[in-house]
Amino acid sequence: MIVAIVIILIILWFLGYVPISGISIPDLSLFTINNHSVTLWEILILMVVSWAINILPRPFQAIASVLLVIWILSVLGILAIAGLSNIVILVIIVGLILSIFI
């Protein structure tokens, strides 16, 4: 199950930030908070990461929950560090992959 979540998360992250000419997926801005638009991709990534947190073992749940809060703060613009949301998603993907092997 974790492998499927990792694959879905990688696909969402990749398609959300790298446009592919053969696949036409709209980048919809759903709403705006703090002058930052929240897109459909960010909501889908949020749902997949929260799904992954529920499946992870207890120590990994705490770490992933903290990373999720940091990611939400960076998406909303409260933590205004350039590229932080991408870095946090990559760390979550790496953490999920490591949890498979441990």
PDB file of N, CA and C in Angstrom:
ATOM      1  N   MET A   1       0.816  -1.193   0.000  1.00  0.00           N
ATOM      2  CA  MET A   1       0.000   0.000   0.000  1.00  0.00           C
ATOM      3  C   MET A   1       0.863   1.261   0.000  1.00  0.00           C
ATOM      4  N   ILE A   2       1.946   1.226   0.764  1.00  0.00           N
ATOM      5  CA  ILE A   2       2.837   2.391   0.812  1.00  0.00           C
ATOM      6  C   ILE A   2       3.477   2.629  -0.553  1.00  0.00           C
ATOM      7  N   VAL A   3       3.773   1.558  -1.271  1.00  0.00           N
ATOM      8  CA  VAL A   3       4.377   1.700  -2.596  1.00  0.00           C
ATOM      9  C   VAL A   3       3.424   2.427  -3.531  1.00  0.00           C
ATOM     10  N   ALA A   4       2.145   2.103  -3.460  1.00  0.00           N
ATOM     11  CA  ALA A   4       1.151   2.789  -4.288  1.00  0.00           C
ATOM     12  C   ALA A   4       1.049   4.263  -3.917  1.00  0.00           C
ATOM     13  N   ILE A   5       1.110   4.561  -2.626  1.00  0.00           N
ATOM     14  CA  ILE A   5       1.054   5.959  -2.188  1.00  0.00           C
ATOM     15  C   ILE A   5       2.276   6.722  -2.677  1.00  0.00           C
ATOM     16  N   VAL A   6       3.444   6.107  -2.606  1.00  0.00           N
ATOM     17  CA  VAL A   6       4.672   6.764  -3.078  1.00  0.00           C
ATOM     18  C   VAL A   6       4.577   7.033  -4.576  1.00  0.00           C
ATOM     19  N   ILE A   7       4.102   6.062  -5.333  1.00  0.00           N
ATOM     20  CA  ILE A   7       3.975   6.247  -6.779  1.00  0.00           C
ATOM     21  C   ILE A   7       2.974   7.352  -7.104  1.00  0.00           C
ATOM     22  N   ILE A   8       1.833   7.364  -6.423  1.00  0.00           N
ATOM     23  CA  ILE A   8       0.839   8.417  -6.644  1.00  0.00           C
ATOM     24  C   ILE A   8       1.404   9.780  -6.280  1.00  0.00           C
ATOM     25  N   LEU A   9       2.122   9.863  -5.174  1.00  0.00           N
ATOM     26  CA  LEU A   9       2.695  11.135  -4.740  1.00  0.00           C
ATOM     27  C   LEU A   9       3.757  11.626  -5.714  1.00  0.00           C
ATOM     28  N   ILE A  10       4.586  10.732  -6.215  1.00  0.00           N
ATOM     29  CA  ILE A  10       5.603  11.118  -7.192  1.00  0.00           C
ATOM     30  C   ILE A  10       4.950  11.609  -8.476  1.00  0.00           C
ATOM     31  N   ILE A  11       3.924  10.911  -8.929  1.00  0.00           N
ATOM     32  CA  ILE A  11       3.228  11.332 -10.152  1.00  0.00           C
ATOM     33  C   ILE A  11       2.572  12.692  -9.956  1.00  0.00           C
ATOM     34  N   LEU A  12       1.900  12.901  -8.830  1.00  0.00           N
ATOM     35  CA  LEU A  12       1.266  14.203  -8.574  1.00  0.00           C
ATOM     36  C   LEU A  12       2.295  15.313  -8.483  1.00  0.00           C
ATOM     37  N   TRP A  13       3.406  15.041  -7.794  1.00  0.00           N
ATOM     38  CA  TRP A  13       4.420  16.073  -7.660  1.00  0.00           C
ATOM     39  C   TRP A  13       5.045  16.391  -9.012  1.00  0.00           C
ATOM     40  N   PHE A  14       5.334  15.346  -9.780  1.00  0.00           N
ATOM     41  CA  PHE A  14       5.974  15.543 -11.080  1.00  0.00           C
ATOM     42  C   PHE A  14       5.046  16.263 -12.054  1.00  0.00           C
ATOM     43  N   LEU A  15       3.794  15.830 -12.149  1.00  0.00           N
ATOM     44  CA  LEU A  15       2.855  16.461 -13.079  1.00  0.00           C
ATOM     45  C   LEU A  15       2.437  17.856 -12.632  1.00  0.00           C
ATOM     46  N   GLY A  16       2.519  18.132 -11.344  1.00  0.00           N
ATOM     47  CA  GLY A  16       2.146  19.457 -10.857  1.00  0.00           C
ATOM     48  C   GLY A  16       3.173  20.526 -11.152  1.00  0.00           C
ATOM     49  N   TYR A  17       4.420  20.135 -11.318  1.00  0.00           N
ATOM     50  CA  TYR A  17       5.476  21.123 -11.506  1.00  0.00           C
ATOM     51  C   TYR A  17       6.182  21.037 -12.843  1.00  0.00           C
ATOM     52  N   VAL A  18       5.985  19.946 -13.580  1.00  0.00           N
ATOM     53  CA  VAL A  18       6.626  19.791 -14.879  1.00  0.00           C
ATOM     54  C   VAL A  18       5.541  19.535 -15.913  1.00  0.00           C
ATOM     55  N   PRO A  19       5.286  20.492 -16.797  1.00  0.00           N
ATOM     56  CA  PRO A  19       4.244  20.265 -17.804  1.00  0.00           C
ATOM     57  C   PRO A  19       4.724  19.275 -18.875  1.00  0.00           C
ATOM     58  N   ILE A  20       3.868  18.336 -19.213  1.00  0.00           N
ATOM     59  CA  ILE A  20       4.150  17.370 -20.269  1.00  0.00           C
ATOM     60  C   ILE A  20       3.213  17.693 -21.434  1.00  0.00           C
ATOM     61  N   SER A  21       3.777  17.758 -22.633  1.00  0.00           N
ATOM     62  CA  SER A  21       2.989  18.224 -23.771  1.00  0.00           C
ATOM     63  C   SER A  21       1.847  17.279 -24.130  1.00  0.00           C
ATOM     64  N   GLY A  22       1.990  15.978 -23.942  1.00  0.00           N
ATOM     65  CA  GLY A  22       0.946  15.029 -24.305  1.00  0.00           C
ATOM     66  C   GLY A  22      -0.194  14.972 -23.314  1.00  0.00           C
ATOM     67  N   ILE A  23       0.050  15.393 -22.087  1.00  0.00           N
ATOM     68  CA  ILE A  23      -0.968  15.325 -21.037  1.00  0.00           C
ATOM     69  C   ILE A  23      -1.417  16.745 -20.714  1.00  0.00           C
ATOM     70  N   SER A  24      -2.692  17.000 -20.905  1.00  0.00           N
ATOM     71  CA  SER A  24      -3.236  18.332 -20.643  1.00  0.00           C
ATOM     72  C   SER A  24      -4.056  18.297 -19.358  1.00  0.00           C
ATOM     73  N   ILE A  25      -3.425  18.692 -18.277  1.00  0.00           N
ATOM     74  CA  ILE A  25      -4.102  18.746 -16.983  1.00  0.00           C
ATOM     75  C   ILE A  25      -4.121  20.209 -16.539  1.00  0.00           C
ATOM     76  N   PRO A  26      -5.313  20.767 -16.330  1.00  0.00           N
ATOM     77  CA  PRO A  26      -5.384  22.182 -15.970  1.00  0.00           C
ATOM     78  C   PRO A  26      -4.834  22.451 -14.568  1.00  0.00           C
ATOM     79  N   ASP A  27      -4.229  23.599 -14.410  1.00  0.00           N
ATOM     80  CA  ASP A  27      -3.727  24.029 -13.115  1.00  0.00           C
ATOM     81  C   ASP A  27      -4.741  25.012 -12.537  1.00  0.00           C
ATOM     82  N   LEU A  28      -5.704  24.479 -11.820  1.00  0.00           N
ATOM     83  CA  LEU A  28      -6.794  25.279 -11.303  1.00  0.00           C
ATOM     84  C   LEU A  28      -6.435  25.913  -9.971  1.00  0.00           C
ATOM     85  N   SER A  29      -6.677  27.196  -9.857  1.00  0.00           N
ATOM     86  CA  SER A  29      -6.522  27.885  -8.592  1.00  0.00           C
ATOM     87  C   SER A  29      -7.872  27.853  -7.885  1.00  0.00           C
ATOM     88  N   LEU A  30      -7.939  27.130  -6.769  1.00  0.00           N
ATOM     89  CA  LEU A  30      -9.215  26.940  -6.089  1.00  0.00           C
ATOM     90  C   LEU A  30      -9.604  28.128  -5.227  1.00  0.00           C
ATOM     91  N   PHE A  31      -8.649  28.618  -4.430  1.00  0.00           N
ATOM     92  CA  PHE A  31      -8.924  29.764  -3.578  1.00  0.00           C
ATOM     93  C   PHE A  31      -7.611  30.439  -3.229  1.00  0.00           C
ATOM     94  N   THR A  32      -7.718  31.602  -2.602  1.00  0.00           N
ATOM     95  CA  THR A  32      -6.546  32.393  -2.254  1.00  0.00           C
ATOM     96  C   THR A  32      -6.532  32.640  -0.758  1.00  0.00           C
ATOM     97  N   ILE A  33      -5.362  32.374  -0.149  1.00  0.00           N
ATOM     98  CA  ILE A  33      -5.155  32.664   1.262  1.00  0.00           C
ATOM     99  C   ILE A  33      -3.853  33.441   1.370  1.00  0.00           C
ATOM    100  N   ASN A  34      -3.900  34.598   2.005  1.00  0.00           N
ATOM    101  CA  ASN A  34      -2.704  35.395   2.243  1.00  0.00           C
ATOM    102  C   ASN A  34      -2.009  35.754   0.924  1.00  0.00           C
ATOM    103  N   ASN A  35      -2.806  36.075  -0.103  1.00  0.00           N
ATOM    104  CA  ASN A  35      -2.327  36.423  -1.442  1.00  0.00           C
ATOM    105  C   ASN A  35      -1.556  35.294  -2.118  1.00  0.00           C
ATOM    106  N   HIS A  36      -1.772  34.074  -1.704  1.00  0.00           N
ATOM    107  CA  HIS A  36      -1.184  32.899  -2.357  1.00  0.00           C
ATOM    108  C   HIS A  36      -2.332  32.010  -2.798  1.00  0.00           C
ATOM    109  N   SER A  37      -2.329  31.676  -4.084  1.00  0.00           N
ATOM    110  CA  SER A  37      -3.409  30.824  -4.571  1.00  0.00           C
ATOM    111  C   SER A  37      -3.105  29.361  -4.257  1.00  0.00           C
ATOM    112  N   VAL A  38      -4.116  28.661  -3.798  1.00  0.00           N
ATOM    113  CA  VAL A  38      -4.016  27.239  -3.496  1.00  0.00           C
ATOM    114  C   VAL A  38      -4.598  26.502  -4.699  1.00  0.00           C
ATOM    115  N   THR A  39      -3.783  25.646  -5.308  1.00  0.00           N
ATOM    116  CA  THR A  39      -4.184  24.980  -6.536  1.00  0.00           C
ATOM    117  C   THR A  39      -4.738  23.586  -6.259  1.00  0.00           C
ATOM    118  N   LEU A  40      -5.316  23.025  -7.299  1.00  0.00           N
ATOM    119  CA  LEU A  40      -5.851  21.674  -7.213  1.00  0.00           C
ATOM    120  C   LEU A  40      -4.744  20.664  -6.922  1.00  0.00           C
ATOM    121  N   TRP A  41      -3.557  20.865  -7.488  1.00  0.00           N
ATOM    122  CA  TRP A  41      -2.432  19.956  -7.260  1.00  0.00           C
ATOM    123  C   TRP A  41      -2.037  19.926  -5.792  1.00  0.00           C
ATOM    124  N   GLU A  42      -2.025  21.089  -5.163  1.00  0.00           N
ATOM    125  CA  GLU A  42      -1.643  21.153  -3.753  1.00  0.00           C
ATOM    126  C   GLU A  42      -2.663  20.450  -2.866  1.00  0.00           C
ATOM    127  N   ILE A  43      -3.934  20.558  -3.203  1.00  0.00           N
ATOM    128  CA  ILE A  43      -4.972  19.861  -2.438  1.00  0.00           C
ATOM    129  C   ILE A  43      -4.843  18.349  -2.626  1.00  0.00           C
ATOM    130  N   LEU A  44      -4.580  17.904  -3.855  1.00  0.00           N
ATOM    131  CA  LEU A  44      -4.402  16.471  -4.105  1.00  0.00           C
ATOM    132  C   LEU A  44      -3.174  15.927  -3.389  1.00  0.00           C
ATOM    133  N   ILE A  45      -2.077  16.686  -3.393  1.00  0.00           N
ATOM    134  CA  ILE A  45      -0.874  16.271  -2.678  1.00  0.00           C
ATOM    135  C   ILE A  45      -1.149  16.216  -1.180  1.00  0.00           C
ATOM    136  N   LEU A  46      -1.899  17.169  -0.658  1.00  0.00           N
ATOM    137  CA  LEU A  46      -2.272  17.164   0.755  1.00  0.00           C
ATOM    138  C   LEU A  46      -3.069  15.914   1.120  1.00  0.00           C
ATOM    139  N   MET A  47      -3.997  15.533   0.253  1.00  0.00           N
ATOM    140  CA  MET A  47      -4.806  14.342   0.536  1.00  0.00           C
ATOM    141  C   MET A  47      -3.953  13.072   0.510  1.00  0.00           C
ATOM    142  N   VAL A  48      -3.017  12.966  -0.440  1.00  0.00           N
ATOM    143  CA  VAL A  48      -2.180  11.769  -0.528  1.00  0.00           C
ATOM    144  C   VAL A  48      -1.214  11.703   0.654  1.00  0.00           C
ATOM    145  N   VAL A  49      -0.645  12.834   1.051  1.00  0.00           N
ATOM    146  CA  VAL A  49       0.283  12.830   2.190  1.00  0.00           C
ATOM    147  C   VAL A  49      -0.455  12.499   3.482  1.00  0.00           C
ATOM    148  N   SER A  50      -1.661  13.026   3.659  1.00  0.00           N
ATOM    149  CA  SER A  50      -2.414  12.681   4.871  1.00  0.00           C
ATOM    150  C   SER A  50      -2.837  11.213   4.856  1.00  0.00           C
ATOM    151  N   TRP A  51      -3.093  10.649   3.687  1.00  0.00           N
ATOM    152  CA  TRP A  51      -3.376   9.221   3.569  1.00  0.00           C
ATOM    153  C   TRP A  51      -2.147   8.406   3.955  1.00  0.00           C
ATOM    154  N   ALA A  52      -0.974   8.863   3.526  1.00  0.00           N
ATOM    155  CA  ALA A  52       0.272   8.167   3.857  1.00  0.00           C
ATOM    156  C   ALA A  52       0.563   8.240   5.351  1.00  0.00           C
ATOM    157  N   ILE A  53       0.266   9.358   5.976  1.00  0.00           N
ATOM    158  CA  ILE A  53       0.517   9.506   7.413  1.00  0.00           C
ATOM    159  C   ILE A  53      -0.309   8.499   8.209  1.00  0.00           C
ATOM    160  N   ASN A  54      -1.531   8.237   7.766  1.00  0.00           N
ATOM    161  CA  ASN A  54      -2.376   7.276   8.479  1.00  0.00           C
ATOM    162  C   ASN A  54      -1.852   5.852   8.368  1.00  0.00           C
ATOM    163  N   ILE A  55      -1.128   5.524   7.321  1.00  0.00           N
ATOM    164  CA  ILE A  55      -0.645   4.167   7.116  1.00  0.00           C
ATOM    165  C   ILE A  55       0.719   3.935   7.760  1.00  0.00           C
ATOM    166  N   LEU A  56       1.509   4.978   7.936  1.00  0.00           N
ATOM    167  CA  LEU A  56       2.859   4.833   8.477  1.00  0.00           C
ATOM    168  C   LEU A  56       2.853   4.352   9.926  1.00  0.00           C
ATOM    169  N   PRO A  57       3.946   3.694  10.358  1.00  0.00           N
ATOM    170  CA  PRO A  57       4.081   3.336  11.778  1.00  0.00           C
ATOM    171  C   PRO A  57       4.209   4.585  12.647  1.00  0.00           C
ATOM    172  N   ARG A  58       4.033   4.421  13.934  1.00  0.00           N
ATOM    173  CA  ARG A  58       3.938   5.538  14.874  1.00  0.00           C
ATOM    174  C   ARG A  58       5.104   6.535  14.829  1.00  0.00           C
ATOM    175  N   PRO A  59       6.381   6.141  14.879  1.00  0.00           N
ATOM    176  CA  PRO A  59       7.423   7.177  14.881  1.00  0.00           C
ATOM    177  C   PRO A  59       7.460   7.969  13.576  1.00  0.00           C
ATOM    178  N   PHE A  60       7.168   7.293  12.469  1.00  0.00           N
ATOM    179  CA  PHE A  60       7.172   7.992  11.181  1.00  0.00           C
ATOM    180  C   PHE A  60       5.968   8.914  11.042  1.00  0.00           C
ATOM    181  N   GLN A  61       4.873   8.601  11.732  1.00  0.00           N
ATOM    182  CA  GLN A  61       3.703   9.472  11.695  1.00  0.00           C
ATOM    183  C   GLN A  61       4.011  10.844  12.281  1.00  0.00           C
ATOM    184  N   ALA A  62       4.742  10.871  13.373  1.00  0.00           N
ATOM    185  CA  ALA A  62       5.080  12.145  14.017  1.00  0.00           C
ATOM    186  C   ALA A  62       5.968  12.994  13.109  1.00  0.00           C
ATOM    187  N   ILE A  63       6.958  12.371  12.518  1.00  0.00           N
ATOM    188  CA  ILE A  63       7.868  13.102  11.629  1.00  0.00           C
ATOM    189  C   ILE A  63       7.119  13.605  10.405  1.00  0.00           C
ATOM    190  N   ALA A  64       6.295  12.754   9.807  1.00  0.00           N
ATOM    191  CA  ALA A  64       5.541  13.154   8.621  1.00  0.00           C
ATOM    192  C   ALA A  64       4.509  14.231   8.952  1.00  0.00           C
ATOM    193  N   SER A  65       3.947  14.196  10.138  1.00  0.00           N
ATOM    194  CA  SER A  65       2.986  15.225  10.538  1.00  0.00           C
ATOM    195  C   SER A  65       3.651  16.590  10.668  1.00  0.00           C
ATOM    196  N   VAL A  66       4.845  16.617  11.232  1.00  0.00           N
ATOM    197  CA  VAL A  66       5.587  17.879  11.333  1.00  0.00           C
ATOM    198  C   VAL A  66       5.945  18.393   9.942  1.00  0.00           C
ATOM    199  N   LEU A  67       6.377  17.499   9.058  1.00  0.00           N
ATOM    200  CA  LEU A  67       6.683  17.906   7.690  1.00  0.00           C
ATOM    201  C   LEU A  67       5.441  18.392   6.957  1.00  0.00           C
ATOM    202  N   LEU A  68       4.290  17.784   7.232  1.00  0.00           N
ATOM    203  CA  LEU A  68       3.043  18.227   6.618  1.00  0.00           C
ATOM    204  C   LEU A  68       2.677  19.632   7.072  1.00  0.00           C
ATOM    205  N   VAL A  69       2.852  19.918   8.347  1.00  0.00           N
ATOM    206  CA  VAL A  69       2.561  21.265   8.858  1.00  0.00           C
ATOM    207  C   VAL A  69       3.513  22.287   8.234  1.00  0.00           C
ATOM    208  N   ILE A  70       4.793  21.934   8.114  1.00  0.00           N
ATOM    209  CA  ILE A  70       5.756  22.841   7.478  1.00  0.00           C
ATOM    210  C   ILE A  70       5.386  23.062   6.017  1.00  0.00           C
ATOM    211  N   TRP A  71       4.954  22.002   5.321  1.00  0.00           N
ATOM    212  CA  TRP A  71       4.567  22.135   3.919  1.00  0.00           C
ATOM    213  C   TRP A  71       3.341  23.041   3.781  1.00  0.00           C
ATOM    214  N   ILE A  72       2.356  22.858   4.656  1.00  0.00           N
ATOM    215  CA  ILE A  72       1.156  23.694   4.592  1.00  0.00           C
ATOM    216  C   ILE A  72       1.515  25.162   4.842  1.00  0.00           C
ATOM    217  N   LEU A  73       2.388  25.409   5.820  1.00  0.00           N
ATOM    218  CA  LEU A  73       2.794  26.790   6.097  1.00  0.00           C
ATOM    219  C   LEU A  73       3.552  27.400   4.935  1.00  0.00           C
ATOM    220  N   SER A  74       4.349  26.603   4.233  1.00  0.00           N
ATOM    221  CA  SER A  74       5.091  27.146   3.098  1.00  0.00           C
ATOM    222  C   SER A  74       4.190  27.360   1.885  1.00  0.00           C
ATOM    223  N   VAL A  75       3.189  26.513   1.696  1.00  0.00           N
ATOM    224  CA  VAL A  75       2.253  26.703   0.588  1.00  0.00           C
ATOM    225  C   VAL A  75       1.412  27.947   0.813  1.00  0.00           C
ATOM    226  N   LEU A  76       1.015  28.182   2.046  1.00  0.00           N
ATOM    227  CA  LEU A  76       0.186  29.352   2.347  1.00  0.00           C
ATOM    228  C   LEU A  76       0.987  30.642   2.427  1.00  0.00           C
ATOM    229  N   GLY A  77       2.303  30.554   2.358  1.00  0.00           N
ATOM    230  CA  GLY A  77       3.127  31.749   2.350  1.00  0.00           C
ATOM    231  C   GLY A  77       3.506  32.254   3.719  1.00  0.00           C
ATOM    232  N   ILE A  78       3.224  31.515   4.756  1.00  0.00           N
ATOM    233  CA  ILE A  78       3.590  31.941   6.102  1.00  0.00           C
ATOM    234  C   ILE A  78       5.082  31.747   6.317  1.00  0.00           C
ATOM    235  N   LEU A  79       5.621  30.622   5.851  1.00  0.00           N
ATOM    236  CA  LEU A  79       7.068  30.410   5.796  1.00  0.00           C
ATOM    237  C   LEU A  79       7.510  30.762   4.378  1.00  0.00           C
ATOM    238  N   ALA A  80       8.025  31.952   4.211  1.00  0.00           N
ATOM    239  CA  ALA A  80       8.325  32.450   2.871  1.00  0.00           C
ATOM    240  C   ALA A  80       9.771  32.173   2.491  1.00  0.00           C
ATOM    241  N   ILE A  81      10.093  30.891   2.317  1.00  0.00           N
ATOM    242  CA  ILE A  81      11.409  30.487   1.839  1.00  0.00           C
ATOM    243  C   ILE A  81      11.203  29.905   0.450  1.00  0.00           C
ATOM    244  N   ALA A  82      11.936  30.395  -0.516  1.00  0.00           N
ATOM    245  CA  ALA A  82      11.743  29.969  -1.903  1.00  0.00           C
ATOM    246  C   ALA A  82      12.028  28.483  -2.064  1.00  0.00           C
ATOM    247  N   GLY A  83      11.065  27.772  -2.628  1.00  0.00           N
ATOM    248  CA  GLY A  83      11.228  26.363  -2.914  1.00  0.00           C
ATOM    249  C   GLY A  83      11.056  25.430  -1.734  1.00  0.00           C
ATOM    250  N   LEU A  84      10.650  25.936  -0.591  1.00  0.00           N
ATOM    251  CA  LEU A  84      10.526  25.087   0.596  1.00  0.00           C
ATOM    252  C   LEU A  84       9.446  24.022   0.432  1.00  0.00           C
ATOM    253  N   SER A  85       8.355  24.352  -0.229  1.00  0.00           N
ATOM    254  CA  SER A  85       7.293  23.363  -0.395  1.00  0.00           C
ATOM    255  C   SER A  85       7.764  22.195  -1.261  1.00  0.00           C
ATOM    256  N   ASN A  86       8.560  22.460  -2.284  1.00  0.00           N
ATOM    257  CA  ASN A  86       9.105  21.376  -3.113  1.00  0.00           C
ATOM    258  C   ASN A  86      10.078  20.518  -2.326  1.00  0.00           C
ATOM    259  N   ILE A  87      10.899  21.145  -1.529  1.00  0.00           N
ATOM    260  CA  ILE A  87      11.881  20.407  -0.725  1.00  0.00           C
ATOM    261  C   ILE A  87      11.182  19.518   0.290  1.00  0.00           C
ATOM    262  N   VAL A  88      10.143  20.033   0.923  1.00  0.00           N
ATOM    263  CA  VAL A  88       9.423  19.255   1.934  1.00  0.00           C
ATOM    264  C   VAL A  88       8.730  18.059   1.286  1.00  0.00           C
ATOM    265  N   ILE A  89       8.128  18.241   0.116  1.00  0.00           N
ATOM    266  CA  ILE A  89       7.489  17.115  -0.575  1.00  0.00           C
ATOM    267  C   ILE A  89       8.527  16.069  -0.952  1.00  0.00           C
ATOM    268  N   LEU A  90       9.695  16.500  -1.416  1.00  0.00           N
ATOM    269  CA  LEU A  90      10.755  15.540  -1.743  1.00  0.00           C
ATOM    270  C   LEU A  90      11.226  14.787  -0.503  1.00  0.00           C
ATOM    271  N   VAL A  91      11.314  15.477   0.630  1.00  0.00           N
ATOM    272  CA  VAL A  91      11.708  14.813   1.883  1.00  0.00           C
ATOM    273  C   VAL A  91      10.640  13.802   2.309  1.00  0.00           C
ATOM    274  N   ILE A  92       9.375  14.138   2.129  1.00  0.00           N
ATOM    275  CA  ILE A  92       8.305  13.200   2.455  1.00  0.00           C
ATOM    276  C   ILE A  92       8.368  11.973   1.551  1.00  0.00           C
ATOM    277  N   ILE A  93       8.631  12.172   0.260  1.00  0.00           N
ATOM    278  CA  ILE A  93       8.755  11.044  -0.668  1.00  0.00           C
ATOM    279  C   ILE A  93       9.924  10.155  -0.275  1.00  0.00           C
ATOM    280  N   VAL A  94      11.061  10.760   0.040  1.00  0.00           N
ATOM    281  CA  VAL A  94      12.230   9.980   0.459  1.00  0.00           C
ATOM    282  C   VAL A  94      11.943   9.247   1.765  1.00  0.00           C
ATOM    283  N   GLY A  95      11.268   9.894   2.694  1.00  0.00           N
ATOM    284  CA  GLY A  95      10.908   9.252   3.957  1.00  0.00           C
ATOM    285  C   GLY A  95       9.973   8.075   3.765  1.00  0.00           C
ATOM    286  N   LEU A  96       9.022   8.214   2.843  1.00  0.00           N
ATOM    287  CA  LEU A  96       8.124   7.096   2.557  1.00  0.00           C
ATOM    288  C   LEU A  96       8.877   5.931   1.927  1.00  0.00           C
ATOM    289  N   ILE A  97       9.804   6.240   1.043  1.00  0.00           N
ATOM    290  CA  ILE A  97      10.609   5.181   0.424  1.00  0.00           C
ATOM    291  C   ILE A  97      11.473   4.502   1.480  1.00  0.00           C
ATOM    292  N   LEU A  98      12.054   5.262   2.390  1.00  0.00           N
ATOM    293  CA  LEU A  98      12.859   4.669   3.447  1.00  0.00           C
ATOM    294  C   LEU A  98      12.014   3.829   4.410  1.00  0.00           C
ATOM    295  N   SER A  99      10.764   4.249   4.636  1.00  0.00           N
ATOM    296  CA  SER A  99       9.913   3.466   5.529  1.00  0.00           C
ATOM    297  C   SER A  99       9.537   2.121   4.922  1.00  0.00           C
ATOM    298  N   ILE A 100       9.591   2.020   3.608  1.00  0.00           N
ATOM    299  CA  ILE A 100       9.325   0.734   2.967  1.00  0.00           C
ATOM    300  C   ILE A 100      10.438  -0.253   3.286  1.00  0.00           C
ATOM    301  N   PHE A 101      11.687   0.230   3.281  1.00  0.00           N
ATOM    302  CA  PHE A 101      12.833  -0.646   3.469  1.00  0.00           C
ATOM    303  C   PHE A 101      13.165  -0.914   4.929  1.00  0.00           C
ATOM    304  N   ILE A 102      12.622  -0.124   5.842  1.00  0.00           N
ATOM    305  CA  ILE A 102      12.925  -0.308   7.265  1.00  0.00           C
ATOM    306  C   ILE A 102      11.850  -1.124   7.941  1.00  0.00           C
TER     307      ILE A 102
END
